[in-house]
Amino acid sequence: VIVSSVSEKIAENKFLQDKLALHLDHTLHRVIKGWEDLACTREINAPLEVRLRCKLRSQDSCTMMLFDVVAAEGNKTLKDLMDALAAIKRNDVKKIITDVYPGLFKLVICFLVRIYC
């Protein structure tokens, strides 16, 4: 799960795609961070032209378009996405992902223990 790309994990689960888009495309309050804040995190680091392209194609999900761009780069993992969501304080969205992939945090901890211990 740790080394799986974001695109693989999201593409294989339509339910997860819909939930992520619902929570990140449009937020009711400006203080709740969404897809554009996610795009600007150090972990995702989407260029300005990508963010503008997402905004201009308003009929599509900006979140899913962002993930498509991330998938094209091919170097982002599900852990990167979780770290980016933590950076924008969207633990509610992290919970959606961990509900779909419940073993994620256990695997991350085991992986890190093997590397650093």
PDB file of N, CA and C in Angstrom:
ATOM      1  N   VAL A   1       0.835  -1.195   0.000  1.00  0.00           N
ATOM      2  CA  VAL A   1       0.000   0.000   0.000  1.00  0.00           C
ATOM      3  C   VAL A   1       0.869   1.244   0.000  1.00  0.00           C
ATOM      4  N   ILE A   2       1.992   1.200   0.691  1.00  0.00           N
ATOM      5  CA  ILE A   2       2.833   2.383   0.832  1.00  0.00           C
ATOM      6  C   ILE A   2       3.405   2.818  -0.507  1.00  0.00           C
ATOM      7  N   VAL A   3       3.876   1.864  -1.291  1.00  0.00           N
ATOM      8  CA  VAL A   3       4.502   2.230  -2.543  1.00  0.00           C
ATOM      9  C   VAL A   3       3.505   2.287  -3.694  1.00  0.00           C
ATOM     10  N   SER A   4       2.249   1.997  -3.448  1.00  0.00           N
ATOM     11  CA  SER A   4       1.233   2.109  -4.493  1.00  0.00           C
ATOM     12  C   SER A   4       1.060   3.569  -4.861  1.00  0.00           C
ATOM     13  N   SER A   5       0.906   3.806  -6.146  1.00  0.00           N
ATOM     14  CA  SER A   5       0.734   5.187  -6.566  1.00  0.00           C
ATOM     15  C   SER A   5      -0.659   5.667  -6.205  1.00  0.00           C
ATOM     16  N   VAL A   6      -0.777   6.973  -6.069  1.00  0.00           N
ATOM     17  CA  VAL A   6      -2.063   7.590  -5.779  1.00  0.00           C
ATOM     18  C   VAL A   6      -3.069   7.193  -6.846  1.00  0.00           C
ATOM     19  N   SER A   7      -2.664   7.248  -8.094  1.00  0.00           N
ATOM     20  CA  SER A   7      -3.587   6.970  -9.191  1.00  0.00           C
ATOM     21  C   SER A   7      -4.114   5.547  -9.148  1.00  0.00           C
ATOM     22  N   GLU A   8      -3.257   4.583  -8.818  1.00  0.00           N
ATOM     23  CA  GLU A   8      -3.699   3.183  -8.741  1.00  0.00           C
ATOM     24  C   GLU A   8      -4.778   3.009  -7.691  1.00  0.00           C
ATOM     25  N   LYS A   9      -4.538   3.530  -6.512  1.00  0.00           N
ATOM     26  CA  LYS A   9      -5.462   3.328  -5.404  1.00  0.00           C
ATOM     27  C   LYS A   9      -6.777   4.073  -5.615  1.00  0.00           C
ATOM     28  N   ILE A  10      -6.712   5.249  -6.180  1.00  0.00           N
ATOM     29  CA  ILE A  10      -7.938   6.014  -6.387  1.00  0.00           C
ATOM     30  C   ILE A  10      -8.687   5.497  -7.612  1.00  0.00           C
ATOM     31  N   ALA A  11      -7.971   5.168  -8.668  1.00  0.00           N
ATOM     32  CA  ALA A  11      -8.606   4.706  -9.900  1.00  0.00           C
ATOM     33  C   ALA A  11      -9.349   3.390  -9.700  1.00  0.00           C
ATOM     34  N   GLU A  12      -8.886   2.567  -8.796  1.00  0.00           N
ATOM     35  CA  GLU A  12      -9.519   1.262  -8.612  1.00  0.00           C
ATOM     36  C   GLU A  12     -10.777   1.328  -7.754  1.00  0.00           C
ATOM     37  N   ASN A  13     -11.125   2.509  -7.246  1.00  0.00           N
ATOM     38  CA  ASN A  13     -12.259   2.597  -6.333  1.00  0.00           C
ATOM     39  C   ASN A  13     -13.113   3.830  -6.641  1.00  0.00           C
ATOM     40  N   LYS A  14     -14.211   3.620  -7.381  1.00  0.00           N
ATOM     41  CA  LYS A  14     -15.110   4.723  -7.769  1.00  0.00           C
ATOM     42  C   LYS A  14     -15.730   5.398  -6.545  1.00  0.00           C
ATOM     43  N   PHE A  15     -16.065   4.606  -5.528  1.00  0.00           N
ATOM     44  CA  PHE A  15     -16.633   5.161  -4.302  1.00  0.00           C
ATOM     45  C   PHE A  15     -15.666   6.162  -3.678  1.00  0.00           C
ATOM     46  N   LEU A  16     -14.391   5.785  -3.619  1.00  0.00           N
ATOM     47  CA  LEU A  16     -13.374   6.666  -3.054  1.00  0.00           C
ATOM     48  C   LEU A  16     -13.231   7.934  -3.898  1.00  0.00           C
ATOM     49  N   GLN A  17     -13.240   7.795  -5.213  1.00  0.00           N
ATOM     50  CA  GLN A  17     -13.165   8.960  -6.097  1.00  0.00           C
ATOM     51  C   GLN A  17     -14.291   9.943  -5.795  1.00  0.00           C
ATOM     52  N   ASP A  18     -15.504   9.422  -5.708  1.00  0.00           N
ATOM     53  CA  ASP A  18     -16.668  10.279  -5.458  1.00  0.00           C
ATOM     54  C   ASP A  18     -16.585  10.975  -4.107  1.00  0.00           C
ATOM     55  N   LYS A  19     -16.154  10.243  -3.085  1.00  0.00           N
ATOM     56  CA  LYS A  19     -16.050  10.835  -1.746  1.00  0.00           C
ATOM     57  C   LYS A  19     -14.969  11.916  -1.697  1.00  0.00           C
ATOM     58  N   LEU A  20     -13.817  11.653  -2.315  1.00  0.00           N
ATOM     59  CA  LEU A  20     -12.746  12.650  -2.323  1.00  0.00           C
ATOM     60  C   LEU A  20     -13.184  13.905  -3.062  1.00  0.00           C
ATOM     61  N   ALA A  21     -13.816  13.728  -4.210  1.00  0.00           N
ATOM     62  CA  ALA A  21     -14.293  14.882  -4.982  1.00  0.00           C
ATOM     63  C   ALA A  21     -15.329  15.671  -4.185  1.00  0.00           C
ATOM     64  N   LEU A  22     -16.235  14.967  -3.523  1.00  0.00           N
ATOM     65  CA  LEU A  22     -17.265  15.627  -2.726  1.00  0.00           C
ATOM     66  C   LEU A  22     -16.662  16.488  -1.621  1.00  0.00           C
ATOM     67  N   HIS A  23     -15.627  15.983  -0.977  1.00  0.00           N
ATOM     68  CA  HIS A  23     -15.039  16.699   0.152  1.00  0.00           C
ATOM     69  C   HIS A  23     -13.990  17.730  -0.233  1.00  0.00           C
ATOM     70  N   LEU A  24     -13.367  17.584  -1.396  1.00  0.00           N
ATOM     71  CA  LEU A  24     -12.277  18.497  -1.753  1.00  0.00           C
ATOM     72  C   LEU A  24     -12.628  19.492  -2.859  1.00  0.00           C
ATOM     73  N   ASP A  25     -13.595  19.172  -3.718  1.00  0.00           N
ATOM     74  CA  ASP A  25     -13.926  20.084  -4.822  1.00  0.00           C
ATOM     75  C   ASP A  25     -14.535  21.390  -4.327  1.00  0.00           C
ATOM     76  N   HIS A  26     -15.487  21.285  -3.449  1.00  0.00           N
ATOM     77  CA  HIS A  26     -16.196  22.473  -2.966  1.00  0.00           C
ATOM     78  C   HIS A  26     -16.336  22.379  -1.455  1.00  0.00           C
ATOM     79  N   THR A  27     -15.908  23.422  -0.773  1.00  0.00           N
ATOM     80  CA  THR A  27     -16.082  23.456   0.676  1.00  0.00           C
ATOM     81  C   THR A  27     -17.052  24.576   1.020  1.00  0.00           C
ATOM     82  N   LEU A  28     -17.818  24.358   2.069  1.00  0.00           N
ATOM     83  CA  LEU A  28     -18.831  25.330   2.460  1.00  0.00           C
ATOM     84  C   LEU A  28     -18.226  26.581   3.090  1.00  0.00           C
ATOM     85  N   HIS A  29     -17.076  26.431   3.691  1.00  0.00           N
ATOM     86  CA  HIS A  29     -16.435  27.547   4.388  1.00  0.00           C
ATOM     87  C   HIS A  29     -15.037  27.761   3.827  1.00  0.00           C
ATOM     88  N   ARG A  30     -14.653  29.001   3.709  1.00  0.00           N
ATOM     89  CA  ARG A  30     -13.335  29.307   3.145  1.00  0.00           C
ATOM     90  C   ARG A  30     -12.192  28.804   4.033  1.00  0.00           C
ATOM     91  N   VAL A  31     -12.467  28.620   5.319  1.00  0.00           N
ATOM     92  CA  VAL A  31     -11.408  28.156   6.215  1.00  0.00           C
ATOM     93  C   VAL A  31     -11.134  26.666   6.050  1.00  0.00           C
ATOM     94  N   ILE A  32     -12.051  25.933   5.422  1.00  0.00           N
ATOM     95  CA  ILE A  32     -11.834  24.510   5.164  1.00  0.00           C
ATOM     96  C   ILE A  32     -11.091  24.392   3.840  1.00  0.00           C
ATOM     97  N   LYS A  33      -9.962  23.763   3.875  1.00  0.00           N
ATOM     98  CA  LYS A  33      -9.102  23.698   2.694  1.00  0.00           C
ATOM     99  C   LYS A  33      -9.581  22.624   1.722  1.00  0.00           C
ATOM    100  N   GLY A  34      -9.404  22.904   0.433  1.00  0.00           N
ATOM    101  CA  GLY A  34      -9.887  22.013  -0.609  1.00  0.00           C
ATOM    102  C   GLY A  34      -8.794  21.577  -1.565  1.00  0.00           C
ATOM    103  N   TRP A  35      -9.211  21.233  -2.779  1.00  0.00           N
ATOM    104  CA  TRP A  35      -8.296  20.661  -3.773  1.00  0.00           C
ATOM    105  C   TRP A  35      -7.135  21.598  -4.097  1.00  0.00           C
ATOM    106  N   GLU A  36      -7.395  22.919  -4.170  1.00  0.00           N
ATOM    107  CA  GLU A  36      -6.319  23.842  -4.544  1.00  0.00           C
ATOM    108  C   GLU A  36      -5.254  23.942  -3.450  1.00  0.00           C
ATOM    109  N   ASP A  37      -5.702  23.918  -2.203  1.00  0.00           N
ATOM    110  CA  ASP A  37      -4.744  23.905  -1.086  1.00  0.00           C
ATOM    111  C   ASP A  37      -3.924  22.618  -1.113  1.00  0.00           C
ATOM    112  N   LEU A  38      -4.595  21.516  -1.424  1.00  0.00           N
ATOM    113  CA  LEU A  38      -3.906  20.231  -1.552  1.00  0.00           C
ATOM    114  C   LEU A  38      -2.851  20.297  -2.658  1.00  0.00           C
ATOM    115  N   ALA A  39      -3.212  20.918  -3.777  1.00  0.00           N
ATOM    116  CA  ALA A  39      -2.290  21.041  -4.916  1.00  0.00           C
ATOM    117  C   ALA A  39      -1.045  21.849  -4.553  1.00  0.00           C
ATOM    118  N   CYS A  40      -1.185  22.772  -3.614  1.00  0.00           N
ATOM    119  CA  CYS A  40      -0.077  23.656  -3.252  1.00  0.00           C
ATOM    120  C   CYS A  40       0.829  23.086  -2.165  1.00  0.00           C
ATOM    121  N   THR A  41       0.481  21.940  -1.615  1.00  0.00           N
ATOM    122  CA  THR A  41       1.315  21.377  -0.549  1.00  0.00           C
ATOM    123  C   THR A  41       2.671  20.958  -1.102  1.00  0.00           C
ATOM    124  N   ARG A  42       3.640  20.864  -0.224  1.00  0.00           N
ATOM    125  CA  ARG A  42       4.986  20.430  -0.597  1.00  0.00           C
ATOM    126  C   ARG A  42       4.951  19.015  -1.178  1.00  0.00           C
ATOM    127  N   GLU A  43       4.062  18.183  -0.646  1.00  0.00           N
ATOM    128  CA  GLU A  43       3.998  16.787  -1.078  1.00  0.00           C
ATOM    129  C   GLU A  43       3.437  16.633  -2.494  1.00  0.00           C
ATOM    130  N   ILE A  44       2.464  17.446  -2.866  1.00  0.00           N
ATOM    131  CA  ILE A  44       1.845  17.356  -4.194  1.00  0.00           C
ATOM    132  C   ILE A  44       2.521  18.315  -5.165  1.00  0.00           C
ATOM    133  N   ASN A  45       2.652  19.578  -4.769  1.00  0.00           N
ATOM    134  CA  ASN A  45       3.420  20.575  -5.513  1.00  0.00           C
ATOM    135  C   ASN A  45       3.030  20.674  -6.992  1.00  0.00           C
ATOM    136  N   ALA A  46       1.734  20.858  -7.230  1.00  0.00           N
ATOM    137  CA  ALA A  46       1.254  21.002  -8.609  1.00  0.00           C
ATOM    138  C   ALA A  46       1.586  22.406  -9.118  1.00  0.00           C
ATOM    139  N   PRO A  47       2.097  22.517 -10.325  1.00  0.00           N
ATOM    140  CA  PRO A  47       2.435  23.828 -10.884  1.00  0.00           C
ATOM    141  C   PRO A  47       1.188  24.707 -11.053  1.00  0.00           C
ATOM    142  N   LEU A  48       1.406  26.012 -11.110  1.00  0.00           N
ATOM    143  CA  LEU A  48       0.319  26.974 -11.271  1.00  0.00           C
ATOM    144  C   LEU A  48      -0.508  26.677 -12.518  1.00  0.00           C
ATOM    145  N   GLU A  49       0.122  26.328 -13.616  1.00  0.00           N
ATOM    146  CA  GLU A  49      -0.610  26.039 -14.862  1.00  0.00           C
ATOM    147  C   GLU A  49      -1.576  24.867 -14.685  1.00  0.00           C
ATOM    148  N   VAL A  50      -1.221  23.909 -13.874  1.00  0.00           N
ATOM    149  CA  VAL A  50      -2.102  22.763 -13.602  1.00  0.00           C
ATOM    150  C   VAL A  50      -3.312  23.231 -12.802  1.00  0.00           C
ATOM    151  N   ARG A  51      -3.082  24.042 -11.795  1.00  0.00           N
ATOM    152  CA  ARG A  51      -4.188  24.551 -10.971  1.00  0.00           C
ATOM    153  C   ARG A  51      -5.134  25.396 -11.809  1.00  0.00           C
ATOM    154  N   LEU A  52      -4.575  26.210 -12.701  1.00  0.00           N
ATOM    155  CA  LEU A  52      -5.431  27.032 -13.574  1.00  0.00           C
ATOM    156  C   LEU A  52      -6.237  26.168 -14.537  1.00  0.00           C
ATOM    157  N   ARG A  53      -5.615  25.140 -15.077  1.00  0.00           N
ATOM    158  CA  ARG A  53      -6.313  24.224 -15.979  1.00  0.00           C
ATOM    159  C   ARG A  53      -7.481  23.546 -15.253  1.00  0.00           C
ATOM    160  N   CYS A  54      -7.255  23.159 -14.011  1.00  0.00           N
ATOM    161  CA  CYS A  54      -8.321  22.538 -13.217  1.00  0.00           C
ATOM    162  C   CYS A  54      -9.480  23.505 -13.008  1.00  0.00           C
ATOM    163  N   LYS A  55      -9.161  24.756 -12.720  1.00  0.00           N
ATOM    164  CA  LYS A  55     -10.205  25.763 -12.491  1.00  0.00           C
ATOM    165  C   LYS A  55     -11.009  26.040 -13.758  1.00  0.00           C
ATOM    166  N   LEU A  56     -10.331  26.095 -14.892  1.00  0.00           N
ATOM    167  CA  LEU A  56     -11.008  26.440 -16.139  1.00  0.00           C
ATOM    168  C   LEU A  56     -11.938  25.338 -16.633  1.00  0.00           C
ATOM    169  N   ARG A  57     -11.667  24.119 -16.282  1.00  0.00           N
ATOM    170  CA  ARG A  57     -12.522  23.006 -16.703  1.00  0.00           C
ATOM    171  C   ARG A  57     -13.501  22.696 -15.583  1.00  0.00           C
ATOM    172  N   SER A  58     -14.376  23.639 -15.309  1.00  0.00           N
ATOM    173  CA  SER A  58     -15.252  23.568 -14.143  1.00  0.00           C
ATOM    174  C   SER A  58     -16.285  22.449 -14.201  1.00  0.00           C
ATOM    175  N   GLN A  59     -16.565  21.902 -15.391  1.00  0.00           N
ATOM    176  CA  GLN A  59     -17.555  20.827 -15.468  1.00  0.00           C
ATOM    177  C   GLN A  59     -16.981  19.509 -14.923  1.00  0.00           C
ATOM    178  N   ASP A  60     -15.680  19.406 -14.819  1.00  0.00           N
ATOM    179  CA  ASP A  60     -15.038  18.207 -14.292  1.00  0.00           C
ATOM    180  C   ASP A  60     -14.664  18.422 -12.824  1.00  0.00           C
ATOM    181  N   SER A  61     -14.395  17.348 -12.137  1.00  0.00           N
ATOM    182  CA  SER A  61     -13.944  17.424 -10.758  1.00  0.00           C
ATOM    183  C   SER A  61     -12.503  17.931 -10.734  1.00  0.00           C
ATOM    184  N   CYS A  62     -12.283  19.026 -10.053  1.00  0.00           N
ATOM    185  CA  CYS A  62     -10.920  19.570  -9.927  1.00  0.00           C
ATOM    186  C   CYS A  62     -10.024  18.594  -9.181  1.00  0.00           C
ATOM    187  N   THR A  63     -10.573  17.933  -8.186  1.00  0.00           N
ATOM    188  CA  THR A  63      -9.805  16.959  -7.418  1.00  0.00           C
ATOM    189  C   THR A  63      -9.336  15.824  -8.312  1.00  0.00           C
ATOM    190  N   MET A  64     -10.246  15.284  -9.117  1.00  0.00           N
ATOM    191  CA  MET A  64      -9.882  14.160  -9.987  1.00  0.00           C
ATOM    192  C   MET A  64      -8.905  14.600 -11.079  1.00  0.00           C
ATOM    193  N   MET A  65      -9.066  15.821 -11.576  1.00  0.00           N
ATOM    194  CA  MET A  65      -8.105  16.340 -12.560  1.00  0.00           C
ATOM    195  C   MET A  65      -6.719  16.468 -11.926  1.00  0.00           C
ATOM    196  N   LEU A  66      -6.677  16.939 -10.691  1.00  0.00           N
ATOM    197  CA  LEU A  66      -5.406  17.054  -9.973  1.00  0.00           C
ATOM    198  C   LEU A  66      -4.761  15.675  -9.818  1.00  0.00           C
ATOM    199  N   PHE A  67      -5.556  14.681  -9.452  1.00  0.00           N
ATOM    200  CA  PHE A  67      -5.013  13.327  -9.304  1.00  0.00           C
ATOM    201  C   PHE A  67      -4.541  12.774 -10.642  1.00  0.00           C
ATOM    202  N   ASP A  68      -5.208  13.146 -11.729  1.00  0.00           N
ATOM    203  CA  ASP A  68      -4.759  12.710 -13.058  1.00  0.00           C
ATOM    204  C   ASP A  68      -3.371  13.267 -13.368  1.00  0.00           C
ATOM    205  N   VAL A  69      -3.168  14.534 -13.013  1.00  0.00           N
ATOM    206  CA  VAL A  69      -1.855  15.154 -13.236  1.00  0.00           C
ATOM    207  C   VAL A  69      -0.802  14.481 -12.370  1.00  0.00           C
ATOM    208  N   VAL A  70      -1.148  14.232 -11.122  1.00  0.00           N
ATOM    209  CA  VAL A  70      -0.233  13.554 -10.211  1.00  0.00           C
ATOM    210  C   VAL A  70       0.097  12.160 -10.754  1.00  0.00           C
ATOM    211  N   ALA A  71      -0.913  11.489 -11.304  1.00  0.00           N
ATOM    212  CA  ALA A  71      -0.700  10.155 -11.873  1.00  0.00           C
ATOM    213  C   ALA A  71       0.243  10.209 -13.067  1.00  0.00           C
ATOM    214  N   ALA A  72       0.134  11.258 -13.867  1.00  0.00           N
ATOM    215  CA  ALA A  72       0.998  11.403 -15.039  1.00  0.00           C
ATOM    216  C   ALA A  72       2.469  11.539 -14.622  1.00  0.00           C
ATOM    217  N   GLU A  73       2.698  12.187 -13.483  1.00  0.00           N
ATOM    218  CA  GLU A  73       4.068  12.302 -12.973  1.00  0.00           C
ATOM    219  C   GLU A  73       4.577  10.946 -12.510  1.00  0.00           C
ATOM    220  N   GLY A  74       3.681  10.155 -11.935  1.00  0.00           N
ATOM    221  CA  GLY A  74       4.011   8.794 -11.541  1.00  0.00           C
ATOM    222  C   GLY A  74       4.897   8.626 -10.330  1.00  0.00           C
ATOM    223  N   ASN A  75       5.145   9.691  -9.591  1.00  0.00           N
ATOM    224  CA  ASN A  75       6.070   9.560  -8.465  1.00  0.00           C
ATOM    225  C   ASN A  75       5.431   9.856  -7.109  1.00  0.00           C
ATOM    226  N   LYS A  76       4.123   9.950  -7.048  1.00  0.00           N
ATOM    227  CA  LYS A  76       3.451  10.227  -5.781  1.00  0.00           C
ATOM    228  C   LYS A  76       2.800   8.950  -5.264  1.00  0.00           C
ATOM    229  N   THR A  77       2.962   8.718  -3.957  1.00  0.00           N
ATOM    230  CA  THR A  77       2.393   7.533  -3.340  1.00  0.00           C
ATOM    231  C   THR A  77       1.160   7.915  -2.526  1.00  0.00           C
ATOM    232  N   LEU A  78       0.462   6.897  -2.080  1.00  0.00           N
ATOM    233  CA  LEU A  78      -0.689   7.139  -1.216  1.00  0.00           C
ATOM    234  C   LEU A  78      -0.238   7.800   0.085  1.00  0.00           C
ATOM    235  N   LYS A  79       0.951   7.453   0.544  1.00  0.00           N
ATOM    236  CA  LYS A  79       1.485   8.108   1.747  1.00  0.00           C
ATOM    237  C   LYS A  79       1.718   9.600   1.497  1.00  0.00           C
ATOM    238  N   ASP A  80       2.186   9.964   0.312  1.00  0.00           N
ATOM    239  CA  ASP A  80       2.351  11.383  -0.030  1.00  0.00           C
ATOM    240  C   ASP A  80       1.015  12.114   0.063  1.00  0.00           C
ATOM    241  N   LEU A  81      -0.026  11.475  -0.461  1.00  0.00           N
ATOM    242  CA  LEU A  81      -1.358  12.077  -0.393  1.00  0.00           C
ATOM    243  C   LEU A  81      -1.799  12.243   1.055  1.00  0.00           C
ATOM    244  N   MET A  82      -1.584  11.223   1.870  1.00  0.00           N
ATOM    245  CA  MET A  82      -1.971  11.309   3.281  1.00  0.00           C
ATOM    246  C   MET A  82      -1.186  12.413   3.996  1.00  0.00           C
ATOM    247  N   ASP A  83       0.090  12.537   3.681  1.00  0.00           N
ATOM    248  CA  ASP A  83       0.909  13.607   4.277  1.00  0.00           C
ATOM    249  C   ASP A  83       0.411  14.979   3.833  1.00  0.00           C
ATOM    250  N   ALA A  84       0.028  15.097   2.565  1.00  0.00           N
ATOM    251  CA  ALA A  84      -0.488  16.371   2.050  1.00  0.00           C
ATOM    252  C   ALA A  84      -1.809  16.719   2.724  1.00  0.00           C
ATOM    253  N   LEU A  85      -2.662  15.736   2.908  1.00  0.00           N
ATOM    254  CA  LEU A  85      -3.941  15.986   3.594  1.00  0.00           C
ATOM    255  C   LEU A  85      -3.709  16.397   5.046  1.00  0.00           C
ATOM    256  N   ALA A  86      -2.706  15.805   5.685  1.00  0.00           N
ATOM    257  CA  ALA A  86      -2.360  16.206   7.056  1.00  0.00           C
ATOM    258  C   ALA A  86      -1.868  17.646   7.073  1.00  0.00           C
ATOM    259  N   ALA A  87      -1.097  18.028   6.057  1.00  0.00           N
ATOM    260  CA  ALA A  87      -0.553  19.390   5.985  1.00  0.00           C
ATOM    261  C   ALA A  87      -1.663  20.442   5.879  1.00  0.00           C
ATOM    262  N   ILE A  88      -2.769  20.091   5.209  1.00  0.00           N
ATOM    263  CA  ILE A  88      -3.875  21.059   5.094  1.00  0.00           C
ATOM    264  C   ILE A  88      -4.963  20.793   6.140  1.00  0.00           C
ATOM    265  N   LYS A  89      -4.624  19.923   7.098  1.00  0.00           N
ATOM    266  CA  LYS A  89      -5.501  19.628   8.234  1.00  0.00           C
ATOM    267  C   LYS A  89      -6.863  19.079   7.805  1.00  0.00           C
ATOM    268  N   ARG A  90      -6.833  18.158   6.833  1.00  0.00           N
ATOM    269  CA  ARG A  90      -8.068  17.507   6.384  1.00  0.00           C
ATOM    270  C   ARG A  90      -8.095  16.058   6.857  1.00  0.00           C
ATOM    271  N   ASN A  91      -8.135  15.912   8.184  1.00  0.00           N
ATOM    272  CA  ASN A  91      -8.194  14.578   8.776  1.00  0.00           C
ATOM    273  C   ASN A  91      -9.482  13.853   8.410  1.00  0.00           C
ATOM    274  N   ASP A  92     -10.539  14.614   8.104  1.00  0.00           N
ATOM    275  CA  ASP A  92     -11.791  13.981   7.685  1.00  0.00           C
ATOM    276  C   ASP A  92     -11.599  13.228   6.370  1.00  0.00           C
ATOM    277  N   VAL A  93     -10.818  13.794   5.475  1.00  0.00           N
ATOM    278  CA  VAL A  93     -10.558  13.147   4.184  1.00  0.00           C
ATOM    279  C   VAL A  93      -9.578  11.987   4.372  1.00  0.00           C
ATOM    280  N   LYS A  94      -8.607  12.151   5.258  1.00  0.00           N
ATOM    281  CA  LYS A  94      -7.703  11.045   5.566  1.00  0.00           C
ATOM    282  C   LYS A  94      -8.490   9.856   6.095  1.00  0.00           C
ATOM    283  N   LYS A  95      -9.511  10.130   6.920  1.00  0.00           N
ATOM    284  CA  LYS A  95     -10.332   9.055   7.477  1.00  0.00           C
ATOM    285  C   LYS A  95     -11.088   8.320   6.375  1.00  0.00           C
ATOM    286  N   ILE A  96     -11.555   9.045   5.378  1.00  0.00           N
ATOM    287  CA  ILE A  96     -12.241   8.396   4.250  1.00  0.00           C
ATOM    288  C   ILE A  96     -11.302   7.383   3.604  1.00  0.00           C
ATOM    289  N   ILE A  97     -10.060   7.784   3.398  1.00  0.00           N
ATOM    290  CA  ILE A  97      -9.082   6.891   2.760  1.00  0.00           C
ATOM    291  C   ILE A  97      -8.765   5.706   3.662  1.00  0.00           C
ATOM    292  N   THR A  98      -8.556   5.960   4.952  1.00  0.00           N
ATOM    293  CA  THR A  98      -8.225   4.852   5.851  1.00  0.00           C
ATOM    294  C   THR A  98      -9.417   3.927   6.072  1.00  0.00           C
ATOM    295  N   ASP A  99     -10.639   4.429   5.902  1.00  0.00           N
ATOM    296  CA  ASP A  99     -11.807   3.542   5.968  1.00  0.00           C
ATOM    297  C   ASP A  99     -11.819   2.586   4.778  1.00  0.00           C
ATOM    298  N   VAL A 100     -11.351   3.070   3.625  1.00  0.00           N
ATOM    299  CA  VAL A 100     -11.299   2.231   2.429  1.00  0.00           C
ATOM    300  C   VAL A 100     -10.081   1.312   2.472  1.00  0.00           C
ATOM    301  N   TYR A 101      -8.957   1.820   2.969  1.00  0.00           N
ATOM    302  CA  TYR A 101      -7.718   1.041   3.093  1.00  0.00           C
ATOM    303  C   TYR A 101      -7.311   1.010   4.565  1.00  0.00           C
ATOM    304  N   PRO A 102      -8.000   0.197   5.385  1.00  0.00           N
ATOM    305  CA  PRO A 102      -7.794   0.242   6.834  1.00  0.00           C
ATOM    306  C   PRO A 102      -6.396  -0.126   7.311  1.00  0.00           C
ATOM    307  N   GLY A 103      -5.648  -0.902   6.570  1.00  0.00           N
ATOM    308  CA  GLY A 103      -4.319  -1.303   7.022  1.00  0.00           C
ATOM    309  C   GLY A 103      -3.229  -0.306   6.697  1.00  0.00           C
ATOM    310  N   LEU A 104      -3.567   0.818   6.117  1.00  0.00           N
ATOM    311  CA  LEU A 104      -2.557   1.765   5.633  1.00  0.00           C
ATOM    312  C   LEU A 104      -1.605   2.217   6.732  1.00  0.00           C
ATOM    313  N   PHE A 105      -2.119   2.695   7.866  1.00  0.00           N
ATOM    314  CA  PHE A 105      -1.242   3.241   8.892  1.00  0.00           C
ATOM    315  C   PHE A 105      -0.392   2.161   9.549  1.00  0.00           C
ATOM    316  N   LYS A 106      -0.947   0.969   9.730  1.00  0.00           N
ATOM    317  CA  LYS A 106      -0.135  -0.120  10.282  1.00  0.00           C
ATOM    318  C   LYS A 106       1.030  -0.439   9.354  1.00  0.00           C
ATOM    319  N   LEU A 107       0.769  -0.471   8.048  1.00  0.00           N
ATOM    320  CA  LEU A 107       1.830  -0.755   7.089  1.00  0.00           C
ATOM    321  C   LEU A 107       2.878   0.349   7.070  1.00  0.00           C
ATOM    322  N   VAL A 108       2.441   1.590   7.171  1.00  0.00           N
ATOM    323  CA  VAL A 108       3.380   2.718   7.185  1.00  0.00           C
ATOM    324  C   VAL A 108       4.294   2.619   8.395  1.00  0.00           C
ATOM    325  N   ILE A 109       3.730   2.326   9.553  1.00  0.00           N
ATOM    326  CA  ILE A 109       4.530   2.225  10.777  1.00  0.00           C
ATOM    327  C   ILE A 109       5.526   1.072  10.654  1.00  0.00           C
ATOM    328  N   CYS A 110       5.058  -0.104  10.187  1.00  0.00           N
ATOM    329  CA  CYS A 110       5.955  -1.254  10.012  1.00  0.00           C
ATOM    330  C   CYS A 110       7.073  -0.931   9.019  1.00  0.00           C
ATOM    331  N   PHE A 111       6.724  -0.242   7.935  1.00  0.00           N
ATOM    332  CA  PHE A 111       7.684   0.128   6.915  1.00  0.00           C
ATOM    333  C   PHE A 111       8.751   1.056   7.483  1.00  0.00           C
ATOM    334  N   LEU A 112       8.308   2.067   8.250  1.00  0.00           N
ATOM    335  CA  LEU A 112       9.246   3.022   8.819  1.00  0.00           C
ATOM    336  C   LEU A 112      10.131   2.382   9.881  1.00  0.00           C
ATOM    337  N   VAL A 113       9.580   1.471  10.657  1.00  0.00           N
ATOM    338  CA  VAL A 113      10.371   0.779  11.685  1.00  0.00           C
ATOM    339  C   VAL A 113      11.476  -0.032  11.027  1.00  0.00           C
ATOM    340  N   ARG A 114      11.171  -0.693   9.939  1.00  0.00           N
ATOM    341  CA  ARG A 114      12.181  -1.490   9.228  1.00  0.00           C
ATOM    342  C   ARG A 114      13.290  -0.617   8.655  1.00  0.00           C
ATOM    343  N   ILE A 115      12.943   0.570   8.188  1.00  0.00           N
ATOM    344  CA  ILE A 115      13.937   1.453   7.566  1.00  0.00           C
ATOM    345  C   ILE A 115      14.818   2.123   8.620  1.00  0.00           C
ATOM    346  N   TYR A 116      14.197   2.640   9.669  1.00  0.00           N
ATOM    347  CA  TYR A 116      14.929   3.479  10.622  1.00  0.00           C
ATOM    348  C   TYR A 116      15.411   2.760  11.870  1.00  0.00           C
ATOM    349  N   CYS A 117      15.028   1.519  12.063  1.00  0.00           N
ATOM    350  CA  CYS A 117      15.434   0.809  13.291  1.00  0.00           C
ATOM    351  C   CYS A 117      16.419  -0.297  12.986  1.00  0.00           C
TER     352      CYS A 117
END
